[in-house]
Amino acid sequence: MDVGLYGGRRYRSLDYMLKERFGEKLYKISLNGGMTCPNRDGRLSEAGCIFCGESGSGDFAAPLTADMNSQIEEAKKLVSRKYKGDRFIAYFQAYTNTYAPVSYLRELFMSVATRGDIAALSIATRPDCLGRAVTELLRELNSMKPVWVELGLQTTNERTARMINRGYDLSCYYEAVRALRNVGVEIVTHMMIGLPHETHEDILETARYIGETADGVKLQLLHVLRNTRLEEMYRNGEFDVLTRDEYIEIVCDIISIMPRNVTIHRLTGDGNPQELVAPLWSLKKLDVLNGINHRLKERGIKQGGIL
C-alpha cells in the first residue's frame, strides 16, 4: 500500500471522496427520468451523437415507471447482493435529465431528494439544457442534498465535436460551468478516450481543460455499439479502436496531469455486451482496472505528478 496517498490509491477515487465526505461508501442507483435529448428528438438533430446507442447511455438505469419511489425500491433490490448500506446516490443517467419543463423536473427531483435513504443526487445532462430556471432549481435541491451535475463534454476539440455530432461548442460548456458554479453545485465532466482521429495531445488537452473547470471527471473508453453511425465508420475502416495497453497508458498520463483536488469518478465504463462491437477487451473491466493500477505503480505516477 502506498502510504500518504488516497486511501492507498494513487488517485482521488470516488470511493475515497465518498468516505471522506459521508463517512462511508455509497452505491449509485441508476434511475430513468423519462426524458429524451435535443440531439435525438429533432430540436438539434434526430441522429444523436454518433456513438450513442438506443438507451442514451442508460443501459443500467431502472425500467421507466411513473413512480420514482417504485424505481428506487426496485433498483435497491438489484444492488442488495453487493451493497449492504442503507444510503444511496440517486443517479439520473439515461438521456438528458434537465430536458423537460421545470415543473416536471421539480416534482421528479423533489420526490427523490426528500427521501431519507438518498444521500446525494447525480444528474446527467447537456450544457445546452441548463437555463436559468433549471439552475435555480438545482440551487434549491443542493440546499437539501449534495447535487452533482454530470456534463457530457467528451472532447475540447471542436473538429471532433462536429464529427461526433455533439451539437454544441466549447463556449456552451464554459457558460454552463459558470452557471453551475454560481448556484454552488458540483460539476462532473465526462471525457471520451479513443474518439476517431484524435491524437494523444488532443486527449491530454481535453483532460487539462476538465481539470481546470470541473470538480470531478469520468473517463470513458470509446465503445462501438451496434446500430450507430460509429459502427458504420468502424466497419468501413475509417478509424481503429484503442488496444488495452494504449488505453491504460493514456489513462495513466491523464492521472499524472489531473489536479489533485479533482475526483476521478470513473477510470473506464461498462459496455452492454449485447450491443458492444469493439473493443471486446473492454468487457474484462476488472482486468483493465488492475492493469491501470499496476501501470501507475510501475511508472511511479500519482495524481498530479510523479512520486
C-alpha atoms as a PDB file:
ATOM      1  CA  MET A   1       0.000   0.000   0.000  1.00  0.00           C
ATOM      2  CA  ASP A   2       1.276   3.490  -0.866  1.00  0.00           C
ATOM      3  CA  VAL A   3       1.347   5.435   2.395  1.00  0.00           C
ATOM      4  CA  GLY A   4       0.151   9.033   2.235  1.00  0.00           C
ATOM      5  CA  LEU A   5      -1.909   8.731  -0.943  1.00  0.00           C
ATOM      6  CA  TYR A   6      -5.672   8.476  -1.424  1.00  0.00           C
ATOM      7  CA  GLY A   7      -6.534   5.625   0.889  1.00  0.00           C
ATOM      8  CA  GLY A   8      -3.762   3.521  -0.632  1.00  0.00           C
ATOM      9  CA  ARG A   9      -4.562   4.501  -4.236  1.00  0.00           C
ATOM     10  CA  ARG A  10      -2.598   6.807  -6.474  1.00  0.00           C
ATOM     11  CA  TYR A  11      -5.582   8.895  -7.488  1.00  0.00           C
ATOM     12  CA  ARG A  12      -8.546  10.556  -5.789  1.00  0.00           C
ATOM     13  CA  SER A  13     -11.212   7.951  -6.442  1.00  0.00           C
ATOM     14  CA  LEU A  14     -14.965   8.277  -5.994  1.00  0.00           C
ATOM     15  CA  ASP A  15     -14.845   5.780  -3.111  1.00  0.00           C
ATOM     16  CA  TYR A  16     -12.197   7.884  -1.373  1.00  0.00           C
ATOM     17  CA  MET A  17     -14.223  11.074  -1.796  1.00  0.00           C
ATOM     18  CA  LEU A  18     -17.436   9.460  -0.551  1.00  0.00           C
ATOM     19  CA  LYS A  19     -15.799   8.094   2.591  1.00  0.00           C
ATOM     20  CA  GLU A  20     -14.148  11.456   3.210  1.00  0.00           C
ATOM     21  CA  ARG A  21     -17.418  13.380   2.784  1.00  0.00           C
ATOM     22  CA  PHE A  22     -20.103  10.963   4.002  1.00  0.00           C
ATOM     23  CA  GLY A  23     -18.065   8.710   6.260  1.00  0.00           C
ATOM     24  CA  GLU A  24     -18.984   5.608   4.255  1.00  0.00           C
ATOM     25  CA  LYS A  25     -19.086   4.141   0.801  1.00  0.00           C
ATOM     26  CA  LEU A  26     -22.326   4.872  -1.043  1.00  0.00           C
ATOM     27  CA  TYR A  27     -23.760   2.984  -4.002  1.00  0.00           C
ATOM     28  CA  LYS A  28     -25.265   4.637  -7.056  1.00  0.00           C
ATOM     29  CA  ILE A  29     -28.679   3.538  -8.201  1.00  0.00           C
ATOM     30  CA  SER A  30     -29.468   4.441 -11.797  1.00  0.00           C
ATOM     31  CA  LEU A  31     -32.876   5.993 -12.400  1.00  0.00           C
ATOM     32  CA  ASN A  32     -34.864   6.860 -15.508  1.00  0.00           C
ATOM     33  CA  GLY A  33     -36.450  10.295 -15.509  1.00  0.00           C
ATOM     34  CA  GLY A  34     -38.409   9.643 -18.688  1.00  0.00           C
ATOM     35  CA  MET A  35     -36.693  12.297 -20.796  1.00  0.00           C
ATOM     36  CA  THR A  36     -35.142  12.332 -24.238  1.00  0.00           C
ATOM     37  CA  CYS A  37     -32.406  14.504 -25.796  1.00  0.00           C
ATOM     38  CA  PRO A  38     -32.487  17.574 -28.073  1.00  0.00           C
ATOM     39  CA  ASN A  39     -29.947  15.796 -30.245  1.00  0.00           C
ATOM     40  CA  ARG A  40     -32.439  12.977 -30.866  1.00  0.00           C
ATOM     41  CA  ASP A  41     -35.921  14.495 -30.824  1.00  0.00           C
ATOM     42  CA  GLY A  42     -35.341  16.885 -33.726  1.00  0.00           C
ATOM     43  CA  ARG A  43     -34.659  20.118 -31.867  1.00  0.00           C
ATOM     44  CA  LEU A  44     -30.988  19.898 -32.868  1.00  0.00           C
ATOM     45  CA  SER A  45     -30.879  16.599 -34.713  1.00  0.00           C
ATOM     46  CA  GLU A  46     -32.589  13.244 -34.931  1.00  0.00           C
ATOM     47  CA  ALA A  47     -29.333  11.337 -35.293  1.00  0.00           C
ATOM     48  CA  GLY A  48     -27.849  11.822 -31.831  1.00  0.00           C
ATOM     49  CA  CYS A  49     -24.140  11.583 -31.106  1.00  0.00           C
ATOM     50  CA  ILE A  50     -22.547   9.021 -33.400  1.00  0.00           C
ATOM     51  CA  PHE A  51     -21.570   6.725 -30.507  1.00  0.00           C
ATOM     52  CA  CYS A  52     -24.845   6.851 -28.591  1.00  0.00           C
ATOM     53  CA  GLY A  53     -26.948   3.680 -28.525  1.00  0.00           C
ATOM     54  CA  GLU A  54     -30.701   3.297 -28.209  1.00  0.00           C
ATOM     55  CA  SER A  55     -30.687   3.671 -24.421  1.00  0.00           C
ATOM     56  CA  GLY A  56     -28.924   7.029 -24.436  1.00  0.00           C
ATOM     57  CA  SER A  57     -26.174   5.912 -22.001  1.00  0.00           C
ATOM     58  CA  GLY A  58     -28.814   4.461 -19.707  1.00  0.00           C
ATOM     59  CA  ASP A  59     -28.183   0.745 -20.145  1.00  0.00           C
ATOM     60  CA  PHE A  60     -28.184   0.184 -16.393  1.00  0.00           C
ATOM     61  CA  ALA A  61     -31.000   2.533 -15.412  1.00  0.00           C
ATOM     62  CA  ALA A  62     -34.112   1.189 -13.759  1.00  0.00           C
ATOM     63  CA  PRO A  63     -37.080   0.464 -16.028  1.00  0.00           C
ATOM     64  CA  LEU A  64     -39.181   3.548 -16.698  1.00  0.00           C
ATOM     65  CA  THR A  65     -42.206   3.872 -14.436  1.00  0.00           C
ATOM     66  CA  ALA A  66     -44.240   6.916 -13.481  1.00  0.00           C
ATOM     67  CA  ASP A  67     -43.461   6.440  -9.797  1.00  0.00           C
ATOM     68  CA  MET A  68     -39.881   7.280  -8.754  1.00  0.00           C
ATOM     69  CA  ASN A  69     -40.316   5.580  -5.392  1.00  0.00           C
ATOM     70  CA  SER A  70     -41.062   2.291  -7.158  1.00  0.00           C
ATOM     71  CA  GLN A  71     -37.993   2.765  -9.358  1.00  0.00           C
ATOM     72  CA  ILE A  72     -35.790   3.375  -6.330  1.00  0.00           C
ATOM     73  CA  GLU A  73     -37.076   0.344  -4.438  1.00  0.00           C
ATOM     74  CA  GLU A  74     -36.582  -1.861  -7.496  1.00  0.00           C
ATOM     75  CA  ALA A  75     -33.068  -0.503  -8.031  1.00  0.00           C
ATOM     76  CA  LYS A  76     -32.197  -1.117  -4.373  1.00  0.00           C
ATOM     77  CA  LYS A  77     -33.228  -4.754  -4.743  1.00  0.00           C
ATOM     78  CA  LEU A  78     -30.959  -5.133  -7.761  1.00  0.00           C
ATOM     79  CA  VAL A  79     -27.870  -3.996  -5.829  1.00  0.00           C
ATOM     80  CA  SER A  80     -28.731  -5.603  -2.483  1.00  0.00           C
ATOM     81  CA  ARG A  81     -26.460  -8.600  -3.036  1.00  0.00           C
ATOM     82  CA  LYS A  82     -23.331  -6.459  -3.378  1.00  0.00           C
ATOM     83  CA  TYR A  83     -24.196  -3.455  -1.196  1.00  0.00           C
ATOM     84  CA  LYS A  84     -25.497  -3.691   2.364  1.00  0.00           C
ATOM     85  CA  GLY A  85     -25.669   0.013   3.174  1.00  0.00           C
ATOM     86  CA  ASP A  86     -28.894   1.961   3.637  1.00  0.00           C
ATOM     87  CA  ARG A  87     -27.988   5.221   1.839  1.00  0.00           C
ATOM     88  CA  PHE A  88     -27.617   5.736  -1.899  1.00  0.00           C
ATOM     89  CA  ILE A  89     -26.763   8.213  -4.619  1.00  0.00           C
ATOM     90  CA  ALA A  90     -29.699   8.757  -6.982  1.00  0.00           C
ATOM     91  CA  TYR A  91     -28.194   8.776 -10.475  1.00  0.00           C
ATOM     92  CA  PHE A  92     -30.366  10.167 -13.258  1.00  0.00           C
ATOM     93  CA  GLN A  93     -28.469   8.575 -16.097  1.00  0.00           C
ATOM     94  CA  ALA A  94     -30.410   7.981 -19.299  1.00  0.00           C
ATOM     95  CA  TYR A  95     -30.564  10.723 -21.951  1.00  0.00           C
ATOM     96  CA  THR A  96     -30.668  14.427 -20.904  1.00  0.00           C
ATOM     97  CA  ASN A  97     -32.054  14.824 -17.405  1.00  0.00           C
ATOM     98  CA  THR A  98     -32.815  18.549 -17.413  1.00  0.00           C
ATOM     99  CA  TYR A  99     -34.575  18.459 -20.798  1.00  0.00           C
ATOM    100  CA  ALA A 100     -38.141  18.965 -19.567  1.00  0.00           C
ATOM    101  CA  PRO A 101     -40.360  21.735 -18.139  1.00  0.00           C
ATOM    102  CA  VAL A 102     -39.141  22.949 -14.770  1.00  0.00           C
ATOM    103  CA  SER A 103     -42.455  21.955 -13.177  1.00  0.00           C
ATOM    104  CA  TYR A 104     -41.831  18.351 -14.238  1.00  0.00           C
ATOM    105  CA  LEU A 105     -38.215  18.457 -13.053  1.00  0.00           C
ATOM    106  CA  ARG A 106     -39.210  19.896  -9.674  1.00  0.00           C
ATOM    107  CA  GLU A 107     -41.720  17.136  -8.993  1.00  0.00           C
ATOM    108  CA  LEU A 108     -39.298  14.468 -10.228  1.00  0.00           C
ATOM    109  CA  PHE A 109     -36.215  15.557  -8.302  1.00  0.00           C
ATOM    110  CA  MET A 110     -38.024  16.613  -5.127  1.00  0.00           C
ATOM    111  CA  SER A 111     -39.683  13.214  -4.819  1.00  0.00           C
ATOM    112  CA  VAL A 112     -36.181  11.728  -4.662  1.00  0.00           C
ATOM    113  CA  ALA A 113     -34.321  14.408  -2.696  1.00  0.00           C
ATOM    114  CA  THR A 114     -36.783  14.248   0.200  1.00  0.00           C
ATOM    115  CA  ARG A 115     -36.198  10.529   0.790  1.00  0.00           C
ATOM    116  CA  GLY A 116     -34.097   9.668   3.843  1.00  0.00           C
ATOM    117  CA  ASP A 117     -32.225   6.899   2.033  1.00  0.00           C
ATOM    118  CA  ILE A 118     -30.923   9.244  -0.690  1.00  0.00           C
ATOM    119  CA  ALA A 119     -27.684  10.966   0.343  1.00  0.00           C
ATOM    120  CA  ALA A 120     -26.961  12.821  -2.916  1.00  0.00           C
ATOM    121  CA  LEU A 121     -28.260  13.379  -6.445  1.00  0.00           C
ATOM    122  CA  SER A 122     -26.211  12.952  -9.601  1.00  0.00           C
ATOM    123  CA  ILE A 123     -27.884  14.393 -12.692  1.00  0.00           C
ATOM    124  CA  ALA A 124     -26.513  13.711 -16.173  1.00  0.00           C
ATOM    125  CA  THR A 125     -27.347  16.358 -18.755  1.00  0.00           C
ATOM    126  CA  ARG A 126     -26.097  18.534 -21.612  1.00  0.00           C
ATOM    127  CA  PRO A 127     -24.597  22.026 -21.187  1.00  0.00           C
ATOM    128  CA  ASP A 128     -27.208  23.432 -23.582  1.00  0.00           C
ATOM    129  CA  CYS A 129     -30.085  22.258 -21.347  1.00  0.00           C
ATOM    130  CA  LEU A 130     -29.324  24.361 -18.287  1.00  0.00           C
ATOM    131  CA  GLY A 131     -31.419  27.500 -18.458  1.00  0.00           C
ATOM    132  CA  ARG A 132     -31.735  29.878 -15.518  1.00  0.00           C
ATOM    133  CA  ALA A 133     -34.911  28.312 -14.120  1.00  0.00           C
ATOM    134  CA  VAL A 134     -33.238  24.903 -14.169  1.00  0.00           C
ATOM    135  CA  THR A 135     -30.084  26.114 -12.431  1.00  0.00           C
ATOM    136  CA  GLU A 136     -32.172  27.835  -9.758  1.00  0.00           C
ATOM    137  CA  LEU A 137     -33.978  24.542  -9.140  1.00  0.00           C
ATOM    138  CA  LEU A 138     -30.573  22.873  -8.834  1.00  0.00           C
ATOM    139  CA  ARG A 139     -29.581  25.511  -6.274  1.00  0.00           C
ATOM    140  CA  GLU A 140     -32.678  24.680  -4.230  1.00  0.00           C
ATOM    141  CA  LEU A 141     -32.037  20.948  -4.427  1.00  0.00           C
ATOM    142  CA  ASN A 142     -28.396  21.463  -3.451  1.00  0.00           C
ATOM    143  CA  SER A 143     -29.537  23.174  -0.241  1.00  0.00           C
ATOM    144  CA  MET A 144     -31.262  19.894   0.666  1.00  0.00           C
ATOM    145  CA  LYS A 145     -28.796  17.265  -0.557  1.00  0.00           C
ATOM    146  CA  PRO A 146     -25.475  17.469  -2.423  1.00  0.00           C
ATOM    147  CA  VAL A 147     -26.097  17.719  -6.173  1.00  0.00           C
ATOM    148  CA  TRP A 148     -23.601  16.740  -8.858  1.00  0.00           C
ATOM    149  CA  VAL A 149     -24.325  17.700 -12.433  1.00  0.00           C
ATOM    150  CA  GLU A 150     -22.664  15.446 -14.976  1.00  0.00           C
ATOM    151  CA  LEU A 151     -21.853  17.154 -18.283  1.00  0.00           C
ATOM    152  CA  GLY A 152     -21.093  15.137 -21.416  1.00  0.00           C
ATOM    153  CA  LEU A 153     -18.244  17.193 -22.871  1.00  0.00           C
ATOM    154  CA  GLN A 154     -16.263  14.221 -24.289  1.00  0.00           C
ATOM    155  CA  THR A 155     -13.655  16.435 -26.037  1.00  0.00           C
ATOM    156  CA  THR A 156     -12.471  20.042 -26.275  1.00  0.00           C
ATOM    157  CA  ASN A 157     -11.507  19.588 -29.918  1.00  0.00           C
ATOM    158  CA  GLU A 158     -14.126  21.452 -31.978  1.00  0.00           C
ATOM    159  CA  ARG A 159     -13.383  19.441 -35.113  1.00  0.00           C
ATOM    160  CA  THR A 160     -14.014  16.202 -33.240  1.00  0.00           C
ATOM    161  CA  ALA A 161     -17.133  17.669 -31.601  1.00  0.00           C
ATOM    162  CA  ARG A 162     -18.628  18.382 -35.024  1.00  0.00           C
ATOM    163  CA  MET A 163     -17.655  14.941 -36.288  1.00  0.00           C
ATOM    164  CA  ILE A 164     -19.391  13.162 -33.397  1.00  0.00           C
ATOM    165  CA  ASN A 165     -22.467  15.427 -33.811  1.00  0.00           C
ATOM    166  CA  ARG A 166     -22.276  16.710 -30.230  1.00  0.00           C
ATOM    167  CA  GLY A 167     -24.487  19.661 -31.074  1.00  0.00           C
ATOM    168  CA  TYR A 168     -22.856  22.461 -29.059  1.00  0.00           C
ATOM    169  CA  ASP A 169     -19.487  24.222 -28.985  1.00  0.00           C
ATOM    170  CA  LEU A 170     -16.975  24.600 -26.190  1.00  0.00           C
ATOM    171  CA  SER A 171     -18.206  28.055 -25.209  1.00  0.00           C
ATOM    172  CA  CYS A 172     -21.593  26.499 -24.339  1.00  0.00           C
ATOM    173  CA  TYR A 173     -19.879  24.130 -21.906  1.00  0.00           C
ATOM    174  CA  TYR A 174     -17.947  27.029 -20.364  1.00  0.00           C
ATOM    175  CA  GLU A 175     -21.125  29.064 -19.842  1.00  0.00           C
ATOM    176  CA  ALA A 176     -22.834  26.049 -18.252  1.00  0.00           C
ATOM    177  CA  VAL A 177     -19.900  25.659 -15.870  1.00  0.00           C
ATOM    178  CA  ARG A 178     -20.187  29.324 -14.885  1.00  0.00           C
ATOM    179  CA  ALA A 179     -23.925  28.995 -14.270  1.00  0.00           C
ATOM    180  CA  LEU A 180     -23.477  25.870 -12.154  1.00  0.00           C
ATOM    181  CA  ARG A 181     -20.668  27.473 -10.164  1.00  0.00           C
ATOM    182  CA  ASN A 182     -22.968  30.413  -9.427  1.00  0.00           C
ATOM    183  CA  VAL A 183     -25.540  28.117  -7.804  1.00  0.00           C
ATOM    184  CA  GLY A 184     -22.957  26.055  -5.938  1.00  0.00           C
ATOM    185  CA  VAL A 185     -23.468  22.587  -7.419  1.00  0.00           C
ATOM    186  CA  GLU A 186     -20.557  20.311  -8.222  1.00  0.00           C
ATOM    187  CA  ILE A 187     -19.573  19.540 -11.798  1.00  0.00           C
ATOM    188  CA  VAL A 188     -18.530  16.103 -13.051  1.00  0.00           C
ATOM    189  CA  THR A 189     -17.402  16.140 -16.676  1.00  0.00           C
ATOM    190  CA  HIS A 190     -17.432  13.147 -18.988  1.00  0.00           C
ATOM    191  CA  MET A 191     -14.395  12.619 -21.213  1.00  0.00           C
ATOM    192  CA  MET A 192     -14.231  10.055 -24.001  1.00  0.00           C
ATOM    193  CA  ILE A 193     -10.929   8.426 -24.878  1.00  0.00           C
ATOM    194  CA  GLY A 194     -10.303   6.980 -28.331  1.00  0.00           C
ATOM    195  CA  LEU A 195     -12.526   9.215 -30.478  1.00  0.00           C
ATOM    196  CA  PRO A 196     -11.742   8.873 -34.201  1.00  0.00           C
ATOM    197  CA  HIS A 197      -8.647  10.757 -35.391  1.00  0.00           C
ATOM    198  CA  GLU A 198      -7.826  12.344 -32.039  1.00  0.00           C
ATOM    199  CA  THR A 199      -4.127  12.474 -31.188  1.00  0.00           C
ATOM    200  CA  HIS A 200      -2.549  11.788 -27.822  1.00  0.00           C
ATOM    201  CA  GLU A 201      -2.116  15.536 -27.331  1.00  0.00           C
ATOM    202  CA  ASP A 202      -5.785  16.171 -28.214  1.00  0.00           C
ATOM    203  CA  ILE A 203      -6.771  13.798 -25.419  1.00  0.00           C
ATOM    204  CA  LEU A 204      -4.429  15.392 -22.877  1.00  0.00           C
ATOM    205  CA  GLU A 205      -5.644  18.871 -23.829  1.00  0.00           C
ATOM    206  CA  THR A 206      -9.195  17.801 -23.003  1.00  0.00           C
ATOM    207  CA  ALA A 207      -8.003  16.386 -19.678  1.00  0.00           C
ATOM    208  CA  ARG A 208      -6.201  19.628 -18.791  1.00  0.00           C
ATOM    209  CA  TYR A 209      -9.296  21.687 -19.575  1.00  0.00           C
ATOM    210  CA  ILE A 210     -11.539  19.454 -17.481  1.00  0.00           C
ATOM    211  CA  GLY A 211      -9.056  19.681 -14.618  1.00  0.00           C
ATOM    212  CA  GLU A 212      -9.410  23.465 -14.739  1.00  0.00           C
ATOM    213  CA  THR A 213     -13.220  23.576 -14.941  1.00  0.00           C
ATOM    214  CA  ALA A 214     -14.686  20.591 -13.078  1.00  0.00           C
ATOM    215  CA  ASP A 215     -14.757  19.048  -9.608  1.00  0.00           C
ATOM    216  CA  GLY A 216     -14.730  15.521 -10.988  1.00  0.00           C
ATOM    217  CA  VAL A 217     -14.101  13.616 -14.188  1.00  0.00           C
ATOM    218  CA  LYS A 218     -15.483  10.422 -15.664  1.00  0.00           C
ATOM    219  CA  LEU A 219     -13.190   8.688 -18.141  1.00  0.00           C
ATOM    220  CA  GLN A 220     -14.862   6.589 -20.809  1.00  0.00           C
ATOM    221  CA  LEU A 221     -13.280   4.353 -23.411  1.00  0.00           C
ATOM    222  CA  LEU A 222     -14.963   4.788 -26.783  1.00  0.00           C
ATOM    223  CA  HIS A 223     -17.329   1.860 -27.275  1.00  0.00           C
ATOM    224  CA  VAL A 224     -18.525   0.956 -30.744  1.00  0.00           C
ATOM    225  CA  LEU A 225     -22.157  -0.052 -30.301  1.00  0.00           C
ATOM    226  CA  ARG A 226     -24.479  -1.799 -32.710  1.00  0.00           C
ATOM    227  CA  ASN A 227     -26.788   0.251 -34.926  1.00  0.00           C
ATOM    228  CA  THR A 228     -24.863   3.504 -34.549  1.00  0.00           C
ATOM    229  CA  ARG A 229     -23.152   5.744 -37.070  1.00  0.00           C
ATOM    230  CA  LEU A 230     -19.904   4.924 -35.268  1.00  0.00           C
ATOM    231  CA  GLU A 231     -20.371   1.249 -36.095  1.00  0.00           C
ATOM    232  CA  GLU A 232     -20.678   2.135 -39.792  1.00  0.00           C
ATOM    233  CA  MET A 233     -17.440   4.129 -39.603  1.00  0.00           C
ATOM    234  CA  TYR A 234     -15.658   1.317 -37.790  1.00  0.00           C
ATOM    235  CA  ARG A 235     -16.751  -1.387 -40.227  1.00  0.00           C
ATOM    236  CA  ASN A 236     -15.748   0.871 -43.142  1.00  0.00           C
ATOM    237  CA  GLY A 237     -12.227   1.079 -41.721  1.00  0.00           C
ATOM    238  CA  GLU A 238     -12.393   4.825 -41.035  1.00  0.00           C
ATOM    239  CA  PHE A 239     -10.685   4.504 -37.633  1.00  0.00           C
ATOM    240  CA  ASP A 240      -9.151   1.965 -35.263  1.00  0.00           C
ATOM    241  CA  VAL A 241     -10.179   1.395 -31.661  1.00  0.00           C
ATOM    242  CA  LEU A 242      -7.560   1.580 -28.932  1.00  0.00           C
ATOM    243  CA  THR A 243      -5.798  -1.512 -27.668  1.00  0.00           C
ATOM    244  CA  ARG A 244      -5.934  -2.340 -23.971  1.00  0.00           C
ATOM    245  CA  ASP A 245      -2.328  -1.246 -23.440  1.00  0.00           C
ATOM    246  CA  GLU A 246      -2.850   2.015 -25.327  1.00  0.00           C
ATOM    247  CA  TYR A 247      -5.852   2.840 -23.183  1.00  0.00           C
ATOM    248  CA  ILE A 248      -4.007   2.061 -19.967  1.00  0.00           C
ATOM    249  CA  GLU A 249      -1.094   4.328 -20.921  1.00  0.00           C
ATOM    250  CA  ILE A 250      -3.422   7.197 -21.805  1.00  0.00           C
ATOM    251  CA  VAL A 251      -5.326   6.893 -18.514  1.00  0.00           C
ATOM    252  CA  CYS A 252      -2.036   6.946 -16.591  1.00  0.00           C
ATOM    253  CA  ASP A 253      -0.978  10.101 -18.450  1.00  0.00           C
ATOM    254  CA  ILE A 254      -4.329  11.748 -17.646  1.00  0.00           C
ATOM    255  CA  ILE A 255      -3.997  10.894 -13.952  1.00  0.00           C
ATOM    256  CA  SER A 256      -0.494  12.381 -13.904  1.00  0.00           C
ATOM    257  CA  ILE A 257      -1.763  15.798 -15.099  1.00  0.00           C
ATOM    258  CA  MET A 258      -5.110  15.891 -13.295  1.00  0.00           C
ATOM    259  CA  PRO A 259      -5.150  18.355 -10.341  1.00  0.00           C
ATOM    260  CA  ARG A 260      -5.108  16.571  -7.001  1.00  0.00           C
ATOM    261  CA  ASN A 261      -8.406  18.051  -5.825  1.00  0.00           C
ATOM    262  CA  VAL A 262     -10.355  16.643  -8.805  1.00  0.00           C
ATOM    263  CA  THR A 263     -12.190  13.400  -8.045  1.00  0.00           C
ATOM    264  CA  ILE A 264     -11.825  10.678 -10.671  1.00  0.00           C
ATOM    265  CA  HIS A 265     -15.308   9.179 -10.628  1.00  0.00           C
ATOM    266  CA  ARG A 266     -14.541   6.516 -13.221  1.00  0.00           C
ATOM    267  CA  LEU A 267     -11.485   5.069 -14.972  1.00  0.00           C
ATOM    268  CA  THR A 268     -13.430   3.206 -17.624  1.00  0.00           C
ATOM    269  CA  GLY A 269     -17.070   2.447 -18.364  1.00  0.00           C
ATOM    270  CA  ASP A 270     -19.231  -0.626 -18.658  1.00  0.00           C
ATOM    271  CA  GLY A 271     -20.371  -1.676 -22.100  1.00  0.00           C
ATOM    272  CA  ASN A 272     -23.563  -3.625 -22.736  1.00  0.00           C
ATOM    273  CA  PRO A 273     -22.189  -6.971 -24.001  1.00  0.00           C
ATOM    274  CA  GLN A 274     -25.280  -7.410 -26.181  1.00  0.00           C
ATOM    275  CA  GLU A 275     -24.573  -4.149 -28.010  1.00  0.00           C
ATOM    276  CA  LEU A 276     -20.774  -3.909 -27.974  1.00  0.00           C
ATOM    277  CA  VAL A 277     -18.981  -4.346 -31.304  1.00  0.00           C
ATOM    278  CA  ALA A 278     -15.497  -3.223 -30.229  1.00  0.00           C
ATOM    279  CA  PRO A 279     -13.178  -3.232 -28.383  1.00  0.00           C
ATOM    280  CA  LEU A 280     -14.160  -6.553 -26.863  1.00  0.00           C
ATOM    281  CA  TRP A 281     -11.259  -6.490 -24.395  1.00  0.00           C
ATOM    282  CA  SER A 282     -13.160  -3.757 -22.542  1.00  0.00           C
ATOM    283  CA  LEU A 283     -15.663  -6.344 -21.283  1.00  0.00           C
ATOM    284  CA  LYS A 284     -12.975  -7.516 -18.837  1.00  0.00           C
ATOM    285  CA  LYS A 285     -13.338  -4.386 -16.729  1.00  0.00           C
ATOM    286  CA  LEU A 286     -11.560  -5.699 -13.628  1.00  0.00           C
ATOM    287  CA  ASP A 287      -8.591  -6.706 -15.771  1.00  0.00           C
ATOM    288  CA  VAL A 288      -8.433  -3.166 -17.197  1.00  0.00           C
ATOM    289  CA  LEU A 289      -8.651  -1.551 -13.747  1.00  0.00           C
ATOM    290  CA  ASN A 290      -5.946  -3.849 -12.382  1.00  0.00           C
ATOM    291  CA  GLY A 291      -3.818  -3.023 -15.413  1.00  0.00           C
ATOM    292  CA  ILE A 292      -4.166   0.717 -14.776  1.00  0.00           C
ATOM    293  CA  ASN A 293      -3.254   0.396 -11.099  1.00  0.00           C
ATOM    294  CA  HIS A 294      -0.281  -1.831 -11.907  1.00  0.00           C
ATOM    295  CA  ARG A 295       0.998   0.558 -14.575  1.00  0.00           C
ATOM    296  CA  LEU A 296       0.627   3.597 -12.283  1.00  0.00           C
ATOM    297  CA  LYS A 297       2.834   1.867  -9.729  1.00  0.00           C
ATOM    298  CA  GLU A 298       5.276   0.672 -12.383  1.00  0.00           C
ATOM    299  CA  ARG A 299       5.662   4.193 -13.787  1.00  0.00           C
ATOM    300  CA  GLY A 300       5.753   5.841 -10.368  1.00  0.00           C
ATOM    301  CA  ILE A 301       2.739   8.023 -11.155  1.00  0.00           C
ATOM    302  CA  LYS A 302       0.258   9.568  -8.758  1.00  0.00           C
ATOM    303  CA  GLN A 303      -2.483  12.070  -9.454  1.00  0.00           C
ATOM    304  CA  GLY A 304      -0.960  15.423 -10.256  1.00  0.00           C
ATOM    305  CA  GLY A 305       2.554  14.149 -10.915  1.00  0.00           C
ATOM    306  CA  ILE A 306       5.321  11.641 -10.264  1.00  0.00           C
ATOM    307  CA  LEU A 307       6.164  10.131  -6.880  1.00  0.00           C
END
